[in-house]
N, C-alpha and C. Protein backbone atom coordinates (compact mmCIF):
# COMPACT_ATOMS: atom_id res chain seq x y z
N UNK A 1 -137.73 199.70 203.30
CA UNK A 1 -139.21 200.27 203.02
C UNK A 1 -139.30 200.20 201.57
N UNK A 2 -139.50 199.05 201.20
CA UNK A 2 -139.85 198.73 199.75
C UNK A 2 -139.27 198.77 198.83
N UNK A 3 -137.68 198.78 199.08
CA UNK A 3 -136.21 199.14 198.35
C UNK A 3 -136.48 198.27 196.86
N UNK A 4 -136.52 197.17 197.58
CA UNK A 4 -136.55 196.25 196.37
C UNK A 4 -137.23 196.23 195.21
N UNK A 5 -138.27 196.77 195.42
CA UNK A 5 -139.47 197.20 194.73
C UNK A 5 -139.58 198.07 193.40
N UNK A 6 -139.50 197.68 192.17
CA UNK A 6 -139.40 199.06 191.64
C UNK A 6 -140.95 199.83 190.97
N UNK A 7 -140.97 201.25 190.94
CA UNK A 7 -142.34 201.47 190.91
C UNK A 7 -141.88 202.54 189.54
N UNK A 8 -142.95 202.90 188.60
CA UNK A 8 -142.77 203.03 187.74
C UNK A 8 -143.84 204.43 187.52
N UNK A 9 -143.47 205.77 187.10
CA UNK A 9 -144.07 207.12 186.60
C UNK A 9 -143.88 207.38 184.94
N UNK A 10 -145.34 207.31 184.62
CA UNK A 10 -145.00 207.45 182.83
C UNK A 10 -146.11 208.37 182.89
N UNK A 11 -145.69 209.50 181.52
CA UNK A 11 -146.58 210.49 180.93
C UNK A 11 -146.63 210.21 179.71
N UNK A 12 -147.85 210.28 179.43
CA UNK A 12 -148.52 210.01 178.24
C UNK A 12 -148.27 211.63 177.53
N UNK A 13 -147.96 212.05 176.24
CA UNK A 13 -147.97 213.24 175.13
C UNK A 13 -149.41 212.57 174.56
N UNK A 14 -150.08 213.29 174.82
CA UNK A 14 -151.73 213.20 173.51
C UNK A 14 -151.81 214.52 173.01
N UNK A 15 -152.01 214.62 171.84
CA UNK A 15 -152.53 215.74 171.23
C UNK A 15 -153.76 215.45 170.77
N UNK A 16 -154.71 216.76 171.42
CA UNK A 16 -155.97 216.89 170.71
C UNK A 16 -156.53 218.22 170.01
N UNK A 17 -157.28 218.19 169.19
CA UNK A 17 -157.55 219.42 168.21
C UNK A 17 -159.19 219.45 168.29
N UNK A 18 -159.35 220.64 168.18
CA UNK A 18 -160.57 220.53 167.90
C UNK A 18 -160.98 222.07 168.21
N UNK A 19 -162.58 222.17 168.06
CA UNK A 19 -163.11 223.54 167.84
C UNK A 19 -163.71 224.03 169.21
N UNK A 20 -163.14 223.42 170.33
CA UNK A 20 -163.68 224.33 171.36
C UNK A 20 -162.77 223.43 172.96
N UNK A 21 -162.64 224.59 173.98
CA UNK A 21 -161.65 223.99 174.97
C UNK A 21 -162.01 222.55 175.62
N UNK A 22 -161.11 221.86 176.22
CA UNK A 22 -161.74 220.38 176.60
C UNK A 22 -162.34 220.58 178.01
N UNK A 23 -161.87 221.63 178.96
CA UNK A 23 -162.35 221.70 180.02
C UNK A 23 -161.70 220.48 180.84
N UNK A 24 -163.01 220.30 181.84
CA UNK A 24 -162.37 219.36 182.89
C UNK A 24 -162.70 218.00 182.17
N UNK A 25 -162.45 217.47 180.83
CA UNK A 25 -162.83 216.35 180.11
C UNK A 25 -162.27 214.95 180.81
N UNK A 26 -162.57 214.01 181.20
CA UNK A 26 -162.21 212.91 181.26
C UNK A 26 -161.32 212.17 180.18
N UNK A 27 -160.49 211.48 180.73
CA UNK A 27 -159.77 210.94 179.54
C UNK A 27 -160.61 209.97 178.66
N UNK A 28 -161.62 209.49 179.50
CA UNK A 28 -162.74 208.69 178.88
C UNK A 28 -163.38 209.40 177.70
N UNK A 29 -163.95 210.75 178.19
CA UNK A 29 -164.73 211.32 177.33
C UNK A 29 -163.07 211.70 176.17
N UNK A 30 -162.29 211.76 176.22
CA UNK A 30 -161.76 212.32 175.70
C UNK A 30 -161.20 211.48 174.51
N UNK A 31 -161.29 209.83 174.89
CA UNK A 31 -161.01 209.13 173.76
C UNK A 31 -161.87 208.87 173.06
N UNK A 32 -163.22 209.04 173.67
CA UNK A 32 -164.63 208.94 172.67
C UNK A 32 -164.60 210.13 172.06
N UNK A 33 -164.17 211.30 172.02
CA UNK A 33 -164.28 212.14 171.07
C UNK A 33 -163.46 212.15 169.79
N UNK A 34 -162.25 211.70 170.15
CA UNK A 34 -161.17 211.75 169.02
C UNK A 34 -160.97 210.43 168.41
N UNK A 35 -161.81 208.94 168.98
CA UNK A 35 -161.87 208.36 167.90
C UNK A 35 -163.23 208.64 167.32
N UNK A 36 -164.63 208.83 168.15
CA UNK A 36 -165.82 208.67 167.14
C UNK A 36 -166.21 209.71 167.31
N UNK A 37 -165.75 210.89 167.64
CA UNK A 37 -166.49 212.37 168.06
C UNK A 37 -165.98 213.07 167.23
N UNK A 38 -165.81 214.57 167.59
CA UNK A 38 -165.76 215.83 166.55
C UNK A 38 -164.56 216.26 166.97
N UNK A 39 -163.65 215.60 167.68
CA UNK A 39 -162.39 216.27 167.72
C UNK A 39 -161.53 215.23 167.08
N UNK A 40 -160.12 215.87 166.82
CA UNK A 40 -158.69 215.21 166.28
C UNK A 40 -158.07 214.48 167.72
N UNK A 41 -157.26 213.64 167.43
CA UNK A 41 -156.24 213.48 168.51
C UNK A 41 -155.28 212.34 168.30
N UNK A 42 -154.10 212.32 168.68
CA UNK A 42 -152.70 211.72 168.05
C UNK A 42 -151.76 211.51 169.21
N UNK A 43 -151.72 210.10 169.42
CA UNK A 43 -150.89 209.75 170.71
C UNK A 43 -149.46 210.39 170.28
N UNK A 44 -148.40 211.01 170.88
CA UNK A 44 -146.83 211.36 170.79
C UNK A 44 -145.94 210.94 171.25
N UNK A 45 -146.44 209.78 171.98
CA UNK A 45 -145.59 209.50 172.95
C UNK A 45 -145.36 209.23 174.39
N UNK A 46 -144.62 208.82 175.04
CA UNK A 46 -144.44 208.36 176.31
C UNK A 46 -143.12 209.18 177.04
N UNK A 47 -142.91 209.02 178.38
CA UNK A 47 -141.73 209.53 179.37
C UNK A 47 -141.90 208.72 180.33
N UNK A 48 -141.10 207.63 180.88
CA UNK A 48 -141.16 207.24 181.55
C UNK A 48 -139.90 206.68 182.54
N UNK A 49 -139.90 206.70 183.65
CA UNK A 49 -139.11 206.91 184.53
C UNK A 49 -139.24 206.00 185.99
N UNK A 50 -138.17 205.22 186.25
CA UNK A 50 -138.29 204.74 187.53
C UNK A 50 -138.45 205.66 188.55
N UNK A 51 -138.97 205.13 189.80
CA UNK A 51 -139.17 206.57 190.91
C UNK A 51 -139.13 205.26 192.03
N UNK A 52 -138.44 205.79 193.26
CA UNK A 52 -138.11 205.23 194.35
C UNK A 52 -139.59 205.37 195.21
N UNK A 53 -139.85 204.34 196.47
CA UNK A 53 -141.32 203.93 196.98
C UNK A 53 -141.11 205.31 197.80
N UNK A 54 -140.39 206.23 198.20
CA UNK A 54 -140.77 207.93 198.73
C UNK A 54 -141.22 208.57 197.35
N UNK A 55 -140.03 208.47 196.47
CA UNK A 55 -140.98 209.39 195.33
C UNK A 55 -142.44 209.08 194.78
N UNK A 56 -142.71 207.85 194.72
CA UNK A 56 -144.13 207.61 194.41
C UNK A 56 -145.01 207.54 195.62
N UNK A 57 -144.68 207.80 196.75
CA UNK A 57 -145.62 208.15 198.03
C UNK A 57 -145.95 209.84 197.38
N UNK A 58 -145.09 210.58 197.07
CA UNK A 58 -145.38 211.97 196.72
C UNK A 58 -146.35 211.98 195.61
N UNK A 59 -145.45 211.46 194.84
CA UNK A 59 -146.64 211.41 193.68
C UNK A 59 -148.07 210.95 193.88
N UNK A 60 -148.34 209.93 194.43
CA UNK A 60 -149.81 209.31 194.74
C UNK A 60 -150.68 210.80 195.53
N UNK A 61 -149.51 211.09 196.55
CA UNK A 61 -150.32 212.30 197.30
C UNK A 61 -150.65 213.50 196.32
N UNK A 62 -149.53 213.80 195.35
CA UNK A 62 -150.21 214.88 194.44
C UNK A 62 -151.40 214.72 193.99
N UNK A 63 -151.45 213.16 193.22
CA UNK A 63 -152.97 213.18 192.95
C UNK A 63 -154.00 212.90 193.50
N UNK A 64 -153.49 212.58 194.78
CA UNK A 64 -154.60 212.54 195.93
C UNK A 64 -155.47 211.44 196.21
N UNK A 65 -154.02 210.31 195.57
CA UNK A 65 -154.24 208.89 195.95
C UNK A 65 -153.59 208.68 197.44
N UNK A 66 -154.41 207.20 197.65
CA UNK A 66 -153.75 206.85 199.10
C UNK A 66 -152.62 206.05 198.84
N UNK A 67 -151.38 206.33 199.42
CA UNK A 67 -149.89 206.12 199.12
C UNK A 67 -150.08 204.06 199.12
N UNK A 68 -151.04 203.83 199.96
CA UNK A 68 -150.53 202.19 200.20
C UNK A 68 -151.66 201.64 198.73
N UNK A 69 -151.95 202.21 198.22
CA UNK A 69 -152.84 202.05 196.98
C UNK A 69 -151.63 201.31 196.14
N UNK A 70 -150.50 201.83 196.04
CA UNK A 70 -149.45 200.83 195.68
C UNK A 70 -148.34 200.59 195.99
N UNK A 71 -148.60 201.03 197.40
CA UNK A 71 -147.12 201.05 198.21
C UNK A 71 -147.24 199.81 198.88
N UNK A 72 -148.67 199.73 199.53
CA UNK A 72 -148.85 198.08 200.35
C UNK A 72 -149.33 198.62 201.39
N UNK A 73 -149.97 197.81 202.18
CA UNK A 73 -150.50 197.77 203.63
C UNK A 73 -149.61 198.15 204.31
N UNK A 74 -148.47 197.71 204.56
CA UNK A 74 -147.53 197.82 205.53
C UNK A 74 -146.67 199.07 205.19
N UNK A 75 -146.90 200.06 204.17
CA UNK A 75 -145.91 201.36 204.15
C UNK A 75 -146.03 201.91 205.09
N UNK A 76 -147.38 202.47 205.74
CA UNK A 76 -147.73 203.13 206.51
C UNK A 76 -146.90 203.18 207.76
N UNK A 77 -146.96 201.80 208.39
CA UNK A 77 -146.65 201.11 209.18
C UNK A 77 -145.01 201.25 209.36
N UNK A 78 -144.36 200.61 208.48
CA UNK A 78 -142.92 200.89 207.96
C UNK A 78 -142.60 202.59 208.09
N UNK A 79 -143.19 203.58 207.69
CA UNK A 79 -143.10 204.92 207.82
C UNK A 79 -143.05 205.39 209.27
N UNK A 80 -144.31 204.92 209.88
CA UNK A 80 -144.01 205.51 211.57
C UNK A 80 -143.09 205.04 212.21
N UNK A 81 -142.87 203.21 212.07
CA UNK A 81 -142.10 202.83 212.66
C UNK A 81 -140.41 203.61 212.48
N UNK A 82 -140.02 204.08 211.54
CA UNK A 82 -138.97 204.73 210.82
C UNK A 82 -138.92 205.60 211.74
N UNK A 83 -139.93 206.50 211.41
CA UNK A 83 -139.96 208.34 212.35
C UNK A 83 -139.93 207.96 213.88
N UNK A 84 -140.48 206.97 213.87
CA UNK A 84 -140.56 206.74 215.98
C UNK A 84 -138.98 206.50 215.90
N UNK A 85 -138.41 205.26 215.27
CA UNK A 85 -136.61 205.02 216.02
C UNK A 85 -136.05 206.24 215.58
N UNK A 86 -136.49 207.06 214.83
CA UNK A 86 -135.44 207.96 214.68
C UNK A 86 -135.68 209.37 216.06
N UNK A 87 -136.75 208.92 216.68
CA UNK A 87 -137.47 209.89 217.69
C UNK A 87 -136.93 209.64 219.10
N UNK A 88 -136.97 207.99 219.03
CA UNK A 88 -136.19 207.44 220.04
C UNK A 88 -135.11 207.71 220.05
N UNK A 89 -134.43 207.40 218.98
CA UNK A 89 -132.37 207.70 219.38
C UNK A 89 -132.37 209.10 219.47
N UNK A 90 -133.29 210.46 219.06
CA UNK A 90 -132.95 211.78 219.32
C UNK A 90 -132.90 211.65 220.62
N UNK A 91 -134.22 211.19 221.16
CA UNK A 91 -134.36 210.99 222.87
C UNK A 91 -133.57 210.03 223.46
N UNK A 92 -132.47 209.45 223.17
CA UNK A 92 -131.59 208.58 223.75
C UNK A 92 -132.09 207.67 224.61
N UNK A 93 -133.05 207.15 223.94
CA UNK A 93 -134.00 205.82 224.39
C UNK A 93 -135.01 206.04 225.69
N UNK A 94 -135.09 207.30 226.06
CA UNK A 94 -135.92 207.40 227.30
C UNK A 94 -137.24 207.63 227.56
N UNK A 95 -137.79 207.44 226.44
CA UNK A 95 -139.54 207.17 226.37
C UNK A 95 -139.75 205.56 226.00
N UNK A 96 -140.37 205.17 227.07
CA UNK A 96 -140.91 203.95 227.38
C UNK A 96 -141.95 203.53 226.09
N UNK A 97 -142.92 204.55 226.24
CA UNK A 97 -144.09 204.49 225.44
C UNK A 97 -143.94 204.42 224.27
N UNK A 98 -142.59 205.24 223.46
CA UNK A 98 -141.78 204.98 221.86
C UNK A 98 -141.51 203.79 221.63
N UNK A 99 -140.72 203.38 222.61
CA UNK A 99 -140.24 201.64 222.76
C UNK A 99 -141.17 200.75 222.38
N UNK A 100 -142.06 200.97 223.51
CA UNK A 100 -143.12 199.78 222.86
C UNK A 100 -143.94 200.29 222.00
N UNK A 101 -144.47 201.31 221.22
CA UNK A 101 -145.06 201.76 220.27
C UNK A 101 -144.07 201.02 219.19
N UNK A 102 -142.88 200.83 219.18
CA UNK A 102 -141.79 200.48 218.18
C UNK A 102 -141.64 198.91 217.97
N UNK A 103 -141.88 198.38 219.00
CA UNK A 103 -142.12 196.97 219.29
C UNK A 103 -143.50 196.51 218.73
N UNK A 104 -144.46 197.39 218.72
CA UNK A 104 -145.99 197.30 218.70
C UNK A 104 -146.11 196.63 216.96
N UNK A 105 -145.35 197.97 216.22
CA UNK A 105 -145.18 198.16 214.94
C UNK A 105 -144.22 197.22 214.05
N UNK A 106 -143.17 196.74 214.59
CA UNK A 106 -142.34 195.72 214.46
C UNK A 106 -143.07 194.39 214.32
N UNK A 107 -143.86 193.89 215.10
CA UNK A 107 -144.84 193.37 215.20
C UNK A 107 -145.77 192.73 214.26
N UNK A 108 -146.55 194.01 214.21
CA UNK A 108 -147.57 193.99 212.88
C UNK A 108 -146.90 193.91 211.74
N UNK A 109 -145.90 194.30 211.46
CA UNK A 109 -145.21 194.57 210.15
C UNK A 109 -144.42 193.28 209.88
N UNK A 110 -144.11 192.46 210.90
CA UNK A 110 -143.64 190.95 210.90
C UNK A 110 -144.87 190.08 210.37
N UNK A 111 -145.94 190.09 211.13
CA UNK A 111 -147.03 189.40 210.81
C UNK A 111 -147.49 189.83 209.38
N UNK A 112 -147.34 191.10 208.87
CA UNK A 112 -148.36 191.14 207.40
C UNK A 112 -147.31 190.46 206.44
N UNK A 113 -146.00 190.74 206.59
CA UNK A 113 -145.16 190.03 205.79
C UNK A 113 -144.74 188.54 205.45
N UNK A 114 -145.40 187.79 206.48
CA UNK A 114 -145.52 186.35 206.08
C UNK A 114 -146.30 186.19 205.42
């Protein structure tokens, strides 16, 4: 599942000094208020780490983003394929429906990766 591709998680540390709480202010608004407005801001650094596709899926889920946004359209198909292959092994290959769905997924993935 997309093991050869690298994904990055970068956290920015930005300090804002103001005479009022920021509340739910957007990054765009923070940028405006710290450059042209009544707040002071300082970029203090970043922390960046490489994450796996599985970790990226969890991080995107936590942000409320669809994992296919960065992981690609075949991500969900590959994930479902892996789960069904595991279920079929557990069942000892006794489910014709699972086997047919696995074949369908493999065909879809092959078509999309070409």
